[in-house]
């Protein structure tokens, strides 16, 4: 059984401020190293839980920021990790070959009151709606997975993120490791406890893989993009978009993959090369 795990940093236990990759101070370097290790350890706990629950393959998407946040020196060797930038797609290798998906280190969507480090893709987004449904990054992941018939079964991170997904995906397994008290504060558990909760939830998630319905958006998919600051030109809209006002634009596509290609310029026909890595031969 193949599990596709997305990761982020803002929902990891102990993280309460934006990562600053421009700050070269020793204090910031030490903080980032520690947070990368915390993330790796929470991911490892999830990998252990998946494998205990019957997973035979785990693909981990190092999904935060520059795509190199997980400290690979601490990674469980049973997992394969996608990292780096300039990707051909936001969630490469998430397709019909996967049996389930989920996330570790989740934060709540833009505008979530008390959500620690809440945002959707970036802090400039006020709200993203798909067919009238407000979705954050996790919801978008669930919709992409749903396009391929893959259920979203696990969410760990901020309690507000867990609540968000419980409302979207009935039956999902969640594990709060922190409770946001404002955008830049949280009541957090110790890393050891975060790992315990994550591992237990991951193993439990494997028991509901065949019980949770994939989250699918009807065709066509209508997209509404609302921004905090005015940034859209009504006289010169981007190709494929209709500008409603300087803060809002809309678009429509046959499915979520075509829509992601429109938003980010991806090749909608991109597929991973079919090959067997050397270490698996």
Protein backbone atom coordinates (compact mmCIF):
# COMPACT_ATOMS: atom_id res chain seq x y z
CA UNK A 1 0.00 0.00 0.00
CA UNK A 2 1.39 3.37 -1.07
CA UNK A 3 0.98 6.51 1.07
CA UNK A 4 1.70 10.02 -0.20
CA UNK A 5 2.58 12.34 2.69
CA UNK A 6 2.66 16.12 2.27
CA UNK A 7 4.60 18.10 4.88
CA UNK A 8 4.73 21.69 6.02
CA UNK A 9 6.57 23.51 8.78
CA UNK A 10 4.06 25.93 10.31
CA UNK A 11 2.07 23.18 12.02
CA UNK A 12 5.03 21.41 13.64
CA UNK A 13 5.08 21.42 17.45
CA UNK A 14 7.19 24.32 18.72
CA UNK A 15 7.03 26.45 15.54
CA UNK A 16 5.30 29.80 16.03
CA UNK A 17 7.00 32.29 13.66
CA UNK A 18 7.66 32.52 9.94
CA UNK A 19 10.84 30.91 8.71
CA UNK A 20 13.28 33.64 7.63
CA UNK A 21 15.78 32.29 5.14
CA UNK A 22 17.37 35.72 4.72
CA UNK A 23 18.40 36.08 8.37
CA UNK A 24 22.03 34.92 8.67
CA UNK A 25 22.28 35.35 12.43
CA UNK A 26 23.47 32.45 14.57
CA UNK A 27 20.21 32.50 16.51
CA UNK A 28 18.14 32.08 13.35
CA UNK A 29 20.45 29.37 12.03
CA UNK A 30 20.10 27.41 15.26
CA UNK A 31 16.31 27.83 15.26
CA UNK A 32 15.97 26.63 11.67
CA UNK A 33 18.19 23.59 12.28
CA UNK A 34 16.12 22.64 15.30
CA UNK A 35 12.83 23.07 13.45
CA UNK A 36 14.08 20.98 10.50
CA UNK A 37 14.92 18.19 12.95
CA UNK A 38 11.52 18.47 14.67
CA UNK A 39 9.81 18.16 11.30
CA UNK A 40 11.91 15.14 10.32
CA UNK A 41 11.08 13.43 13.59
CA UNK A 42 7.33 14.04 13.23
CA UNK A 43 7.52 12.70 9.67
CA UNK A 44 9.42 9.65 10.91
CA UNK A 45 6.71 8.99 13.48
CA UNK A 46 4.14 9.09 10.68
CA UNK A 47 6.23 6.74 8.50
CA UNK A 48 6.49 4.31 11.42
CA UNK A 49 2.72 4.45 11.88
CA UNK A 50 1.99 3.95 8.19
CA UNK A 51 4.30 0.94 8.00
CA UNK A 52 2.85 -0.54 11.18
CA UNK A 53 -0.57 -0.13 9.59
CA UNK A 54 0.39 -1.96 6.39
CA UNK A 55 2.02 0.63 4.11
CA UNK A 56 4.71 -0.81 1.86
CA UNK A 57 5.76 2.48 0.27
CA UNK A 58 5.79 6.06 1.60
CA UNK A 59 6.51 9.11 -0.54
CA UNK A 60 7.17 12.27 1.47
CA UNK A 61 6.78 15.68 -0.14
CA UNK A 62 9.10 18.22 1.55
CA UNK A 63 6.47 20.85 0.89
CA UNK A 64 7.56 23.88 2.89
CA UNK A 65 9.19 26.96 1.38
CA UNK A 66 12.32 26.17 -0.56
CA UNK A 67 11.64 22.44 -0.47
CA UNK A 68 14.61 21.46 1.69
CA UNK A 69 13.15 21.83 5.18
CA UNK A 70 13.22 18.19 6.29
CA UNK A 71 16.60 17.28 7.77
CA UNK A 72 17.42 14.19 5.72
CA UNK A 73 20.12 13.08 8.17
CA UNK A 74 17.28 12.12 10.52
CA UNK A 75 14.92 10.59 7.95
CA UNK A 76 13.54 7.07 8.18
CA UNK A 77 15.15 5.14 5.29
CA UNK A 78 11.83 3.53 4.42
CA UNK A 79 10.60 6.85 3.01
CA UNK A 80 11.46 8.52 -0.29
CA UNK A 81 11.54 12.33 -0.21
CA UNK A 82 10.62 14.88 -2.87
CA UNK A 83 12.51 18.13 -2.35
CA UNK A 84 13.81 21.11 -4.29
CA UNK A 85 12.25 23.94 -6.29
CA UNK A 86 11.03 24.55 -9.86
CA UNK A 87 8.89 21.44 -9.65
CA UNK A 88 6.84 20.23 -12.62
CA UNK A 89 3.79 20.14 -10.37
CA UNK A 90 2.99 21.15 -6.79
CA UNK A 91 2.39 17.53 -5.74
CA UNK A 92 4.50 15.39 -8.08
CA UNK A 93 3.94 11.63 -7.85
CA UNK A 94 0.49 12.06 -6.31
CA UNK A 95 -1.62 10.07 -8.77
CA UNK A 96 -3.83 7.00 -9.13
CA UNK A 97 -0.95 4.74 -8.03
CA UNK A 98 -1.32 6.06 -4.47
CA UNK A 99 -3.72 4.49 -1.99
CA UNK A 100 -4.03 7.43 0.40
CA UNK A 101 -2.66 10.86 1.24
CA UNK A 102 -2.37 13.19 4.21
CA UNK A 103 -0.22 15.85 5.83
CA UNK A 104 2.13 16.38 8.78
CA UNK A 105 2.84 19.91 10.02
CA UNK A 106 -0.41 21.43 8.80
CA UNK A 107 -1.48 25.05 9.32
CA UNK A 108 -4.97 26.49 8.91
CA UNK A 109 -6.14 28.35 5.81
CA UNK A 110 -6.05 32.11 5.28
CA UNK A 111 -8.18 34.14 7.68
CA UNK A 112 -8.57 31.46 10.37
CA UNK A 113 -9.06 33.23 13.69
CA UNK A 114 -6.35 32.12 16.17
CA UNK A 115 -4.76 29.81 13.61
CA UNK A 116 -1.01 29.79 14.22
CA UNK A 117 0.77 31.06 11.06
CA UNK A 118 -2.42 30.70 9.01
CA UNK A 119 -2.18 31.32 5.25
CA UNK A 120 -3.11 29.82 1.90
CA UNK A 121 -0.06 29.39 -0.32
CA UNK A 122 1.24 32.83 0.70
CA UNK A 123 0.26 35.66 3.02
CA UNK A 124 -1.09 37.74 0.13
CA UNK A 125 -4.11 35.45 -0.35
CA UNK A 126 -7.31 36.41 1.47
CA UNK A 127 -9.27 33.38 0.30
CA UNK A 128 -9.29 30.72 -2.42
CA UNK A 129 -12.62 29.22 -3.45
CA UNK A 130 -13.23 26.25 -5.71
CA UNK A 131 -16.82 25.76 -6.86
CA UNK A 132 -17.81 28.09 -4.04
CA UNK A 133 -15.95 26.08 -1.38
CA UNK A 134 -13.25 27.91 0.58
CA UNK A 135 -10.16 25.69 0.57
CA UNK A 136 -6.73 26.07 2.09
CA UNK A 137 -3.65 24.17 1.05
CA UNK A 138 -4.88 20.93 2.60
CA UNK A 139 -8.22 21.19 0.86
CA UNK A 140 -6.46 21.78 -2.44
CA UNK A 141 -4.29 18.72 -1.82
CA UNK A 142 -7.43 16.72 -1.07
CA UNK A 143 -9.05 17.91 -4.30
CA UNK A 144 -6.00 16.98 -6.38
CA UNK A 145 -5.87 13.58 -4.70
CA UNK A 146 -9.61 13.20 -5.25
CA UNK A 147 -9.14 13.79 -8.96
CA UNK A 148 -7.19 10.51 -8.98
CA UNK A 149 -9.59 8.73 -6.62
CA UNK A 150 -7.21 8.97 -3.65
CA UNK A 151 -8.65 9.66 -0.17
CA UNK A 152 -7.20 12.22 2.26
CA UNK A 153 -7.03 10.35 5.59
CA UNK A 154 -4.59 12.11 7.96
CA UNK A 155 -3.95 15.63 9.25
CA UNK A 156 -1.52 16.52 12.04
CA UNK A 157 -0.50 20.01 13.12
CA UNK A 158 -2.37 23.01 14.48
CA UNK A 159 -5.72 22.13 16.05
CA UNK A 160 -7.39 24.71 13.78
CA UNK A 161 -6.01 22.92 10.73
CA UNK A 162 -7.30 19.62 12.10
CA UNK A 163 -10.75 21.15 12.63
CA UNK A 164 -10.69 22.54 9.09
CA UNK A 165 -10.13 19.09 7.63
CA UNK A 166 -12.60 17.36 9.92
CA UNK A 167 -15.28 19.67 8.51
CA UNK A 168 -14.20 18.95 4.93
CA UNK A 169 -13.45 15.21 5.10
CA UNK A 170 -15.84 13.13 7.25
CA UNK A 171 -14.01 10.36 9.11
CA UNK A 172 -10.50 11.79 8.68
CA UNK A 173 -7.97 10.98 11.42
CA UNK A 174 -6.41 14.06 13.02
CA UNK A 175 -3.77 14.70 15.68
CA UNK A 176 -3.33 18.24 17.04
CA UNK A 177 0.22 18.84 18.26
CA UNK A 178 -0.37 22.53 19.00
CA UNK A 179 -3.32 24.84 19.64
CA UNK A 180 -3.03 28.22 17.93
CA UNK A 181 -3.83 31.12 20.24
CA UNK A 182 -3.05 33.85 17.68
CA UNK A 183 -1.28 34.04 14.34
CA UNK A 184 2.08 34.10 16.14
CA UNK A 185 1.50 32.04 19.28
CA UNK A 186 0.34 28.58 20.27
CA UNK A 187 -0.01 26.16 23.16
CA UNK A 188 2.28 23.38 21.97
CA UNK A 189 3.18 19.92 23.20
CA UNK A 190 6.76 18.71 23.54
CA UNK A 191 8.37 17.15 20.43
CA UNK A 192 8.31 13.69 22.01
CA UNK A 193 4.56 13.95 22.63
CA UNK A 194 4.02 15.33 19.12
CA UNK A 195 5.77 12.27 17.72
CA UNK A 196 3.64 9.93 19.81
CA UNK A 197 0.38 11.57 18.69
CA UNK A 198 1.51 11.63 15.06
CA UNK A 199 2.57 7.99 15.01
CA UNK A 200 -0.63 6.77 16.59
CA UNK A 201 -2.76 8.84 14.23
CA UNK A 202 -0.82 7.61 11.18
CA UNK A 203 -1.33 3.98 12.12
CA UNK A 204 -5.02 4.63 12.76
CA UNK A 205 -5.33 6.44 9.41
CA UNK A 206 -4.34 3.24 7.63
CA UNK A 207 -7.47 1.58 9.01
CA UNK A 208 -9.81 4.09 7.34
CA UNK A 209 -8.19 4.25 3.88
CA UNK A 210 -11.04 2.23 2.35
CA UNK A 211 -13.73 3.97 4.39
CA UNK A 212 -13.12 7.63 3.47
CA UNK A 213 -14.47 8.94 0.19
CA UNK A 214 -12.05 10.90 -2.01
CA UNK A 215 -12.82 14.62 -2.08
CA UNK A 216 -13.82 15.43 -5.66
CA UNK A 217 -14.76 18.72 -7.29
CA UNK A 218 -17.44 18.69 -9.96
CA UNK A 219 -16.52 19.74 -13.50
CA UNK A 220 -16.05 22.46 -14.53
CA UNK A 221 -14.04 23.81 -11.59
CA UNK A 222 -14.65 27.48 -10.93
CA UNK A 223 -11.83 29.32 -9.13
CA UNK A 224 -12.14 32.58 -7.18
CA UNK A 225 -8.87 34.18 -6.07
CA UNK A 226 -9.19 36.94 -3.45
CA UNK A 227 -6.10 38.94 -2.42
CA UNK A 228 -5.39 41.14 0.59
CA UNK A 229 -3.81 43.90 -1.50
CA UNK A 230 -5.00 45.16 -4.92
CA UNK A 231 -2.94 43.46 -7.61
CA UNK A 232 -5.16 42.61 -10.61
CA UNK A 233 -5.52 44.86 -13.66
CA UNK A 234 -9.08 44.86 -15.01
CA UNK A 235 -7.88 46.10 -18.40
CA UNK A 236 -5.06 43.57 -18.73
CA UNK A 237 -6.16 40.31 -17.09
CA UNK A 238 -3.85 37.31 -17.19
CA UNK A 239 -4.74 34.81 -19.90
CA UNK A 240 -7.61 32.60 -18.80
CA UNK A 241 -8.69 34.90 -15.97
CA UNK A 242 -11.50 37.42 -15.53
CA UNK A 243 -10.69 40.29 -13.19
CA UNK A 244 -13.67 41.20 -11.00
CA UNK A 245 -11.90 44.04 -9.20
CA UNK A 246 -8.28 44.78 -8.22
CA UNK A 247 -8.57 42.33 -5.32
CA UNK A 248 -10.45 39.49 -7.04
CA UNK A 249 -10.08 37.40 -10.18
CA UNK A 250 -11.85 34.27 -11.40
CA UNK A 251 -11.16 31.41 -13.80
CA UNK A 252 -12.64 28.10 -14.87
CA UNK A 253 -11.17 24.80 -16.02
CA UNK A 254 -12.36 21.29 -16.80
CA UNK A 255 -10.69 19.83 -13.71
CA UNK A 256 -8.36 20.71 -10.85
CA UNK A 257 -5.22 19.63 -12.76
CA UNK A 258 -6.05 21.93 -15.67
CA UNK A 259 -6.78 24.70 -13.18
CA UNK A 260 -3.44 24.27 -11.41
CA UNK A 261 -1.74 24.45 -14.80
CA UNK A 262 -3.55 27.74 -15.47
CA UNK A 263 -2.66 29.23 -12.07
CA UNK A 264 1.00 28.19 -11.98
CA UNK A 265 1.93 27.52 -15.60
CA UNK A 266 2.47 23.78 -15.14
CA UNK A 267 2.34 21.36 -18.05
CA UNK A 268 -0.99 19.62 -17.41
CA UNK A 269 0.24 16.51 -19.22
CA UNK A 270 3.39 16.05 -17.12
CA UNK A 271 3.84 12.54 -15.75
CA UNK A 272 6.72 11.02 -13.77
CA UNK A 273 9.12 8.90 -15.78
CA UNK A 274 8.38 5.24 -15.36
CA UNK A 275 11.58 3.78 -14.02
CA UNK A 276 12.83 1.71 -11.10
CA UNK A 277 15.33 3.61 -8.94
CA UNK A 278 18.69 1.88 -8.54
CA UNK A 279 18.15 1.30 -4.85
CA UNK A 280 14.98 -0.67 -5.61
CA UNK A 281 16.39 -2.93 -8.32
